[in-house]
């Protein structure tokens, strides 16, 4: 994997945590000389980048590693954050429902997980599912990286 992928450091402000966050994520090497990579991880805390996006990273002497600098091209995927509010509620229930509509997720802990909504999915379906749990005060969710395509999905309905 080291030949085709690199770990990239991302430093950004997280609205969720209301603090600067450092997160490392795997990215596929597109052109190492130019510093072009394709994100191959689901971000947890909400930088303005989603899986499949092409970005520029360069080696940072202070960090002693490759560091994200800017997004070059958005692929059209979106990233959501879901927080379980109801004590004892099993996040796997919602994660499984999301998986049945082709939305992968990665858990950070028992109460927080990030969701990847790929371009081909009608976001209105995903949002409807999440709103069902939100209205019952089971979860809260955020849309830190909602693609133009998924914004358009909401306008169609």
N, C-alpha and C. Protein backbone atom coordinates (compact mmCIF):
# COMPACT_ATOMS: atom_id res chain seq x y z
N UNK A 1 0.83 -1.20 0.00
CA UNK A 1 0.00 0.00 0.00
C UNK A 1 0.87 1.26 0.00
N UNK A 2 2.07 1.15 0.56
CA UNK A 2 2.96 2.33 0.65
C UNK A 2 3.33 2.87 -0.73
N UNK A 3 3.36 2.01 -1.75
CA UNK A 3 3.71 2.47 -3.09
C UNK A 3 2.57 3.24 -3.75
N UNK A 4 1.34 2.82 -3.49
CA UNK A 4 0.19 3.42 -4.14
C UNK A 4 -0.53 4.45 -3.27
N UNK A 5 -0.28 4.41 -1.97
CA UNK A 5 -0.97 5.30 -1.02
C UNK A 5 0.03 5.96 -0.08
N UNK A 6 -0.35 7.12 0.42
CA UNK A 6 0.44 7.84 1.42
C UNK A 6 -0.49 8.33 2.51
N UNK A 7 0.07 8.40 3.74
CA UNK A 7 -0.67 9.02 4.84
C UNK A 7 -0.43 10.52 4.76
N UNK A 8 -1.51 11.28 4.75
CA UNK A 8 -1.42 12.74 4.64
C UNK A 8 -1.98 13.36 5.91
N UNK A 9 -1.31 14.39 6.39
CA UNK A 9 -1.79 15.10 7.57
C UNK A 9 -2.73 16.23 7.14
N UNK A 10 -3.86 16.32 7.79
CA UNK A 10 -4.83 17.39 7.57
C UNK A 10 -4.95 18.17 8.87
N UNK A 11 -4.83 19.48 8.80
CA UNK A 11 -5.00 20.35 9.97
C UNK A 11 -6.08 21.36 9.58
N UNK A 12 -7.16 21.41 10.37
CA UNK A 12 -8.28 22.29 10.03
C UNK A 12 -9.12 22.57 11.26
N UNK A 13 -9.96 23.57 11.16
CA UNK A 13 -10.88 23.91 12.24
C UNK A 13 -12.12 23.03 12.13
N UNK A 14 -12.50 22.40 13.23
CA UNK A 14 -13.69 21.55 13.26
C UNK A 14 -14.82 22.29 13.97
N UNK A 15 -15.93 22.50 13.25
CA UNK A 15 -17.11 23.10 13.88
C UNK A 15 -17.66 22.18 14.96
N UNK A 16 -17.55 20.87 14.72
CA UNK A 16 -18.06 19.89 15.68
C UNK A 16 -17.35 20.01 17.02
N UNK A 17 -16.04 20.11 16.99
CA UNK A 17 -15.25 20.18 18.22
C UNK A 17 -14.93 21.61 18.65
N UNK A 18 -15.23 22.57 17.75
CA UNK A 18 -14.91 23.98 18.00
C UNK A 18 -13.44 24.16 18.37
N UNK A 19 -12.59 23.50 17.58
CA UNK A 19 -11.15 23.55 17.83
C UNK A 19 -10.42 23.12 16.57
N UNK A 20 -9.12 23.41 16.53
CA UNK A 20 -8.29 22.95 15.42
C UNK A 20 -7.99 21.47 15.63
N UNK A 21 -8.12 20.71 14.57
CA UNK A 21 -7.96 19.26 14.62
C UNK A 21 -6.84 18.84 13.69
N UNK A 22 -6.12 17.82 14.08
CA UNK A 22 -5.12 17.20 13.23
C UNK A 22 -5.58 15.76 13.00
N UNK A 23 -5.70 15.41 11.74
CA UNK A 23 -6.18 14.08 11.38
C UNK A 23 -5.29 13.57 10.24
N UNK A 24 -4.88 12.31 10.31
CA UNK A 24 -4.13 11.73 9.19
C UNK A 24 -5.04 10.78 8.45
N UNK A 25 -4.97 10.84 7.13
CA UNK A 25 -5.82 9.99 6.29
C UNK A 25 -5.02 9.43 5.13
N UNK A 26 -5.45 8.27 4.68
CA UNK A 26 -4.82 7.65 3.52
C UNK A 26 -5.31 8.30 2.24
N UNK A 27 -4.39 8.44 1.30
CA UNK A 27 -4.72 8.98 -0.01
C UNK A 27 -3.96 8.20 -1.07
N UNK A 28 -4.62 8.01 -2.20
CA UNK A 28 -3.99 7.34 -3.33
C UNK A 28 -3.09 8.35 -4.04
N UNK A 29 -1.89 7.91 -4.39
CA UNK A 29 -0.96 8.79 -5.10
C UNK A 29 -1.43 8.93 -6.54
N UNK A 30 -1.65 10.17 -6.98
CA UNK A 30 -2.00 10.46 -8.38
C UNK A 30 -0.73 10.87 -9.12
N UNK A 31 -0.01 11.85 -8.58
CA UNK A 31 1.25 12.31 -9.15
C UNK A 31 2.11 12.83 -8.00
N UNK A 32 3.04 12.00 -7.55
CA UNK A 32 3.85 12.34 -6.38
C UNK A 32 4.69 13.59 -6.62
N UNK A 33 5.25 13.74 -7.81
CA UNK A 33 6.08 14.91 -8.11
C UNK A 33 5.30 16.21 -8.02
N UNK A 34 4.05 16.20 -8.51
CA UNK A 34 3.21 17.40 -8.46
C UNK A 34 2.51 17.54 -7.10
N UNK A 35 2.52 16.48 -6.29
CA UNK A 35 1.86 16.52 -4.98
C UNK A 35 0.37 16.30 -5.08
N UNK A 36 -0.10 15.54 -6.09
CA UNK A 36 -1.53 15.30 -6.28
C UNK A 36 -1.92 13.94 -5.69
N UNK A 37 -2.99 13.95 -4.91
CA UNK A 37 -3.47 12.76 -4.25
C UNK A 37 -4.99 12.69 -4.33
N UNK A 38 -5.53 11.48 -4.13
CA UNK A 38 -6.97 11.26 -4.13
C UNK A 38 -7.34 10.69 -2.77
N UNK A 39 -8.22 11.36 -2.03
CA UNK A 39 -8.58 10.94 -0.68
C UNK A 39 -9.24 9.56 -0.69
N UNK A 40 -8.73 8.68 0.17
CA UNK A 40 -9.20 7.30 0.22
C UNK A 40 -9.67 6.94 1.63
N UNK A 41 -10.04 7.93 2.42
CA UNK A 41 -10.51 7.76 3.80
C UNK A 41 -11.75 8.61 4.02
N UNK A 42 -12.54 8.22 5.00
CA UNK A 42 -13.69 9.04 5.39
C UNK A 42 -13.22 9.95 6.53
N UNK A 43 -13.20 11.27 6.32
CA UNK A 43 -12.78 12.18 7.39
C UNK A 43 -13.77 12.16 8.55
N UNK A 44 -13.25 12.29 9.77
CA UNK A 44 -14.12 12.27 10.95
C UNK A 44 -14.68 13.65 11.32
N UNK A 45 -13.84 14.67 11.28
CA UNK A 45 -14.22 15.92 11.91
C UNK A 45 -14.64 17.04 10.98
N UNK A 46 -14.68 16.79 9.69
CA UNK A 46 -15.30 17.75 8.81
C UNK A 46 -14.45 18.75 8.06
N UNK A 47 -13.30 18.33 7.52
CA UNK A 47 -12.64 19.27 6.61
C UNK A 47 -13.47 19.34 5.33
N UNK A 48 -13.28 20.37 4.55
CA UNK A 48 -14.06 20.51 3.32
C UNK A 48 -13.47 19.66 2.20
N UNK A 49 -13.48 18.36 2.44
CA UNK A 49 -12.99 17.40 1.46
C UNK A 49 -13.72 16.09 1.71
N UNK A 50 -13.95 15.33 0.65
CA UNK A 50 -14.65 14.05 0.76
C UNK A 50 -13.86 12.98 0.02
N UNK A 51 -14.20 11.74 0.26
CA UNK A 51 -13.55 10.63 -0.43
C UNK A 51 -13.65 10.84 -1.93
N UNK A 52 -12.55 10.48 -2.61
CA UNK A 52 -12.51 10.62 -4.06
C UNK A 52 -12.03 11.97 -4.56
N UNK A 53 -12.01 12.98 -3.70
CA UNK A 53 -11.55 14.31 -4.12
C UNK A 53 -10.04 14.30 -4.37
N UNK A 54 -9.64 15.08 -5.36
CA UNK A 54 -8.22 15.24 -5.69
C UNK A 54 -7.71 16.49 -4.94
N UNK A 55 -6.54 16.35 -4.32
CA UNK A 55 -6.01 17.49 -3.57
C UNK A 55 -4.49 17.58 -3.72
N UNK A 56 -3.99 18.74 -3.32
CA UNK A 56 -2.56 19.00 -3.34
C UNK A 56 -2.03 18.91 -1.92
N UNK A 57 -0.90 18.19 -1.76
CA UNK A 57 -0.22 18.11 -0.47
C UNK A 57 1.28 18.24 -0.74
N UNK A 58 1.97 18.78 0.23
CA UNK A 58 3.43 18.90 0.09
C UNK A 58 4.10 18.55 1.41
N UNK A 59 5.38 18.22 1.29
CA UNK A 59 6.14 17.87 2.49
C UNK A 59 6.35 19.13 3.32
N UNK A 60 6.07 19.02 4.61
CA UNK A 60 6.22 20.13 5.55
C UNK A 60 7.37 19.80 6.50
N UNK A 61 8.38 20.64 6.51
CA UNK A 61 9.57 20.40 7.36
C UNK A 61 9.21 20.34 8.84
N UNK A 62 8.30 21.22 9.29
CA UNK A 62 7.92 21.25 10.71
C UNK A 62 7.16 20.00 11.12
N UNK A 63 6.26 19.54 10.24
CA UNK A 63 5.44 18.37 10.55
C UNK A 63 6.20 17.07 10.23
N UNK A 64 7.23 17.19 9.39
CA UNK A 64 8.03 16.05 8.95
C UNK A 64 7.20 15.00 8.22
N UNK A 65 6.27 15.49 7.41
CA UNK A 65 5.42 14.60 6.62
C UNK A 65 4.64 15.39 5.58
N UNK A 66 3.92 14.67 4.71
CA UNK A 66 3.07 15.33 3.71
C UNK A 66 1.87 15.95 4.41
N UNK A 67 1.56 17.20 4.01
CA UNK A 67 0.46 17.94 4.63
C UNK A 67 -0.47 18.46 3.54
N UNK A 68 -1.77 18.28 3.75
CA UNK A 68 -2.81 18.78 2.85
C UNK A 68 -2.71 20.29 2.75
N UNK A 69 -2.82 20.81 1.51
CA UNK A 69 -2.80 22.25 1.30
C UNK A 69 -4.10 22.77 0.70
N UNK A 70 -4.61 22.09 -0.35
CA UNK A 70 -5.87 22.56 -0.95
C UNK A 70 -6.51 21.47 -1.79
N UNK A 71 -7.83 21.55 -1.91
CA UNK A 71 -8.58 20.64 -2.77
C UNK A 71 -8.53 21.18 -4.19
N UNK A 72 -8.25 20.30 -5.13
CA UNK A 72 -8.14 20.68 -6.54
C UNK A 72 -9.41 20.37 -7.30
N UNK A 73 -9.98 19.20 -7.04
CA UNK A 73 -11.18 18.78 -7.77
C UNK A 73 -12.08 17.95 -6.86
N UNK A 74 -13.35 18.34 -6.77
CA UNK A 74 -14.31 17.58 -5.97
C UNK A 74 -14.96 16.52 -6.84
N UNK A 75 -15.07 15.33 -6.28
CA UNK A 75 -15.61 14.18 -7.00
C UNK A 75 -17.14 14.14 -6.94
N UNK A 76 -17.72 14.77 -5.93
CA UNK A 76 -19.18 14.78 -5.80
C UNK A 76 -19.72 13.97 -4.64
N UNK A 77 -18.81 13.35 -3.88
CA UNK A 77 -19.24 12.63 -2.67
C UNK A 77 -19.43 13.63 -1.54
N UNK A 78 -20.15 13.20 -0.51
CA UNK A 78 -20.37 14.05 0.66
C UNK A 78 -19.97 13.29 1.91
N UNK A 79 -19.68 14.06 2.97
CA UNK A 79 -19.33 13.48 4.26
C UNK A 79 -20.28 14.08 5.31
N UNK A 80 -20.84 13.20 6.14
CA UNK A 80 -21.73 13.61 7.22
C UNK A 80 -21.14 13.16 8.55
N UNK A 81 -21.54 13.83 9.60
CA UNK A 81 -21.16 13.43 10.96
C UNK A 81 -22.43 13.11 11.72
N UNK A 82 -22.42 12.01 12.44
CA UNK A 82 -23.58 11.61 13.23
C UNK A 82 -23.15 11.39 14.67
N UNK A 83 -23.89 11.99 15.58
CA UNK A 83 -23.64 11.85 17.02
C UNK A 83 -24.86 11.17 17.64
N UNK A 84 -24.62 10.10 18.38
CA UNK A 84 -25.69 9.41 19.10
C UNK A 84 -25.97 10.18 20.39
N UNK A 85 -27.21 10.62 20.56
CA UNK A 85 -27.58 11.39 21.75
C UNK A 85 -28.22 10.51 22.82
N UNK A 86 -28.94 9.48 22.39
CA UNK A 86 -29.66 8.62 23.34
C UNK A 86 -28.70 7.63 23.99
N UNK A 87 -28.59 7.74 25.28
CA UNK A 87 -27.67 6.87 26.03
C UNK A 87 -28.04 5.40 25.81
N UNK A 88 -27.03 4.61 25.48
CA UNK A 88 -27.24 3.18 25.29
C UNK A 88 -27.73 2.76 23.91
N UNK A 89 -28.03 3.74 23.03
CA UNK A 89 -28.49 3.39 21.69
C UNK A 89 -27.32 2.84 20.89
N UNK A 90 -27.54 1.74 20.19
CA UNK A 90 -26.48 1.09 19.42
C UNK A 90 -26.35 1.75 18.04
N UNK A 91 -25.23 2.43 17.83
CA UNK A 91 -24.98 3.14 16.56
C UNK A 91 -25.00 2.18 15.37
N UNK A 92 -24.71 0.91 15.61
CA UNK A 92 -24.68 -0.09 14.53
C UNK A 92 -26.04 -0.20 13.83
N UNK A 93 -27.12 0.09 14.53
CA UNK A 93 -28.46 0.03 13.93
C UNK A 93 -28.56 1.02 12.78
N UNK A 94 -28.17 2.26 13.03
CA UNK A 94 -28.23 3.29 11.99
C UNK A 94 -27.18 3.03 10.92
N UNK A 95 -25.99 2.63 11.34
CA UNK A 95 -24.92 2.36 10.37
C UNK A 95 -25.31 1.25 9.41
N UNK A 96 -26.01 0.24 9.90
CA UNK A 96 -26.47 -0.86 9.02
C UNK A 96 -27.53 -0.36 8.04
N UNK A 97 -28.45 0.48 8.52
CA UNK A 97 -29.48 1.04 7.63
C UNK A 97 -28.82 1.89 6.54
N UNK A 98 -27.82 2.67 6.91
CA UNK A 98 -27.10 3.48 5.93
C UNK A 98 -26.37 2.59 4.92
N UNK A 99 -25.82 1.49 5.41
CA UNK A 99 -25.10 0.57 4.53
C UNK A 99 -26.03 -0.04 3.48
N UNK A 100 -27.29 -0.29 3.85
CA UNK A 100 -28.25 -0.87 2.89
C UNK A 100 -28.57 0.10 1.75
N UNK A 101 -28.31 1.39 1.96
CA UNK A 101 -28.51 2.36 0.87
C UNK A 101 -27.14 2.84 0.34
N UNK A 102 -26.14 1.97 0.50
CA UNK A 102 -24.79 2.18 -0.03
C UNK A 102 -24.03 3.36 0.56
N UNK A 103 -24.23 3.61 1.84
CA UNK A 103 -23.48 4.65 2.54
C UNK A 103 -22.57 3.98 3.57
N UNK A 104 -21.27 4.03 3.29
CA UNK A 104 -20.29 3.47 4.24
C UNK A 104 -20.08 4.46 5.38
N UNK A 105 -19.63 3.93 6.52
CA UNK A 105 -19.35 4.80 7.65
C UNK A 105 -18.14 4.27 8.42
N UNK A 106 -17.55 5.17 9.18
CA UNK A 106 -16.44 4.82 10.07
C UNK A 106 -16.73 5.40 11.43
N UNK A 107 -16.64 4.54 12.44
CA UNK A 107 -16.89 4.99 13.80
C UNK A 107 -15.63 5.49 14.47
N UNK A 108 -15.77 6.59 15.20
CA UNK A 108 -14.66 7.10 15.99
C UNK A 108 -14.73 6.50 17.39
N UNK A 109 -15.95 6.41 17.90
CA UNK A 109 -16.19 5.81 19.22
C UNK A 109 -17.65 5.36 19.26
N UNK A 110 -18.17 5.11 20.45
CA UNK A 110 -19.54 4.60 20.61
C UNK A 110 -20.61 5.60 20.16
N UNK A 111 -20.27 6.90 20.19
CA UNK A 111 -21.30 7.91 19.93
C UNK A 111 -21.08 8.78 18.70
N UNK A 112 -19.95 8.61 18.02
CA UNK A 112 -19.68 9.46 16.86
C UNK A 112 -19.20 8.64 15.68
N UNK A 113 -19.83 8.86 14.52
CA UNK A 113 -19.33 8.23 13.30
C UNK A 113 -19.51 9.16 12.12
N UNK A 114 -18.68 8.93 11.11
CA UNK A 114 -18.72 9.73 9.89
C UNK A 114 -19.29 8.85 8.78
N UNK A 115 -20.05 9.48 7.87
CA UNK A 115 -20.73 8.75 6.80
C UNK A 115 -20.29 9.30 5.45
N UNK A 116 -20.01 8.38 4.54
CA UNK A 116 -19.70 8.74 3.16
C UNK A 116 -20.96 8.53 2.33
N UNK A 117 -21.38 9.59 1.64
CA UNK A 117 -22.52 9.50 0.72
C UNK A 117 -21.93 9.67 -0.68
N UNK A 118 -21.90 8.57 -1.44
CA UNK A 118 -21.30 8.65 -2.77
C UNK A 118 -22.23 9.41 -3.72
N UNK A 119 -21.61 9.97 -4.73
CA UNK A 119 -22.29 10.83 -5.70
C UNK A 119 -23.59 10.23 -6.25
N UNK A 120 -23.57 8.93 -6.54
CA UNK A 120 -24.71 8.28 -7.18
C UNK A 120 -25.96 8.17 -6.30
N UNK A 121 -25.80 8.33 -5.00
CA UNK A 121 -26.92 8.19 -4.07
C UNK A 121 -27.76 9.47 -4.07
N UNK A 122 -29.07 9.30 -4.04
CA UNK A 122 -29.98 10.44 -3.89
C UNK A 122 -29.93 10.87 -2.42
N UNK A 123 -29.38 12.03 -2.17
CA UNK A 123 -29.18 12.47 -0.80
C UNK A 123 -30.49 12.65 -0.04
N UNK A 124 -31.57 12.92 -0.73
CA UNK A 124 -32.86 13.09 -0.05
C UNK A 124 -33.23 11.83 0.73
N UNK A 125 -32.87 10.66 0.22
CA UNK A 125 -33.16 9.39 0.90
C UNK A 125 -32.34 9.29 2.18
N UNK A 126 -31.08 9.65 2.11
CA UNK A 126 -30.19 9.59 3.27
C UNK A 126 -30.67 10.56 4.33
N UNK A 127 -30.96 11.78 3.92
CA UNK A 127 -31.38 12.81 4.89
C UNK A 127 -32.70 12.42 5.55
N UNK A 128 -33.60 11.83 4.80
CA UNK A 128 -34.88 11.38 5.35
C UNK A 128 -34.65 10.35 6.46
N UNK A 129 -33.76 9.42 6.22
CA UNK A 129 -33.43 8.40 7.22
C UNK A 129 -32.87 9.04 8.48
N UNK A 130 -31.94 9.96 8.32
CA UNK A 130 -31.33 10.60 9.47
C UNK A 130 -32.31 11.50 10.22
N UNK A 131 -33.17 12.18 9.49
CA UNK A 131 -34.18 13.04 10.14
C UNK A 131 -35.16 12.23 10.98
N UNK A 132 -35.44 11.01 10.54
CA UNK A 132 -36.32 10.11 11.30
C UNK A 132 -35.76 9.87 12.70
N UNK A 133 -34.45 9.66 12.80
CA UNK A 133 -33.81 9.45 14.10
C UNK A 133 -33.61 10.76 14.85
N UNK A 134 -33.36 11.84 14.11
CA UNK A 134 -33.16 13.13 14.76
C UNK A 134 -34.45 13.62 15.43
N UNK A 135 -35.58 13.44 14.78
CA UNK A 135 -36.85 13.89 15.37
C UNK A 135 -37.21 13.11 16.63
N UNK A 136 -36.64 11.92 16.79
CA UNK A 136 -36.85 11.13 18.01
C UNK A 136 -35.79 11.43 19.07
N UNK A 137 -34.92 12.42 18.78
CA UNK A 137 -33.82 12.82 19.67
C UNK A 137 -32.83 11.69 19.94
N UNK A 138 -32.71 10.76 18.99
CA UNK A 138 -31.75 9.67 19.11
C UNK A 138 -30.38 10.13 18.62
N UNK A 139 -30.37 10.95 17.56
CA UNK A 139 -29.12 11.44 16.99
C UNK A 139 -29.20 12.93 16.70
N UNK A 140 -28.05 13.48 16.43
CA UNK A 140 -27.94 14.78 15.78
C UNK A 140 -26.94 14.55 14.66
N UNK A 141 -27.04 15.30 13.59
CA UNK A 141 -26.08 15.12 12.50
C UNK A 141 -25.73 16.44 11.86
N UNK A 142 -24.56 16.44 11.23
CA UNK A 142 -24.07 17.64 10.55
C UNK A 142 -23.65 17.26 9.14
N UNK A 143 -23.65 18.25 8.26
CA UNK A 143 -23.30 18.08 6.85
C UNK A 143 -22.09 18.97 6.53
N UNK A 144 -20.92 18.65 7.09
CA UNK A 144 -19.76 19.54 6.91
C UNK A 144 -19.23 19.60 5.48
N UNK A 145 -19.48 18.56 4.70
CA UNK A 145 -18.98 18.54 3.32
C UNK A 145 -20.08 17.96 2.42
N UNK A 146 -21.04 18.82 2.06
CA UNK A 146 -22.17 18.41 1.22
C UNK A 146 -21.92 18.88 -0.21
N UNK A 147 -21.82 17.93 -1.13
CA UNK A 147 -21.49 18.25 -2.52
C UNK A 147 -22.62 19.01 -3.21
N UNK A 148 -22.27 19.68 -4.29
CA UNK A 148 -23.27 20.39 -5.10
C UNK A 148 -24.34 19.43 -5.60
N UNK A 149 -23.93 18.23 -5.99
CA UNK A 149 -24.88 17.23 -6.49
C UNK A 149 -25.89 16.87 -5.41
N UNK A 150 -25.43 16.66 -4.19
CA UNK A 150 -26.33 16.31 -3.10
C UNK A 150 -27.20 17.48 -2.66
N UNK A 151 -26.70 18.69 -2.78
CA UNK A 151 -27.54 19.87 -2.51
C UNK A 151 -28.68 19.93 -3.54
N UNK A 152 -28.35 19.61 -4.78
CA UNK A 152 -29.36 19.61 -5.85
C UNK A 152 -30.40 18.52 -5.62
N UNK A 153 -29.98 17.37 -5.07
CA UNK A 153 -30.94 16.31 -4.75
C UNK A 153 -32.05 16.80 -3.83
N UNK A 154 -31.69 17.64 -2.87
CA UNK A 154 -32.67 18.16 -1.91
C UNK A 154 -33.64 19.13 -2.55
N UNK A 155 -33.20 19.83 -3.58
CA UNK A 155 -34.06 20.80 -4.27
C UNK A 155 -35.08 20.13 -5.19
N UNK A 156 -34.80 18.91 -5.63
CA UNK A 156 -35.68 18.18 -6.54
C UNK A 156 -36.97 17.75 -5.86
N UNK A 157 -36.90 17.52 -4.55
CA UNK A 157 -38.04 16.92 -3.85
C UNK A 157 -38.97 17.91 -3.23
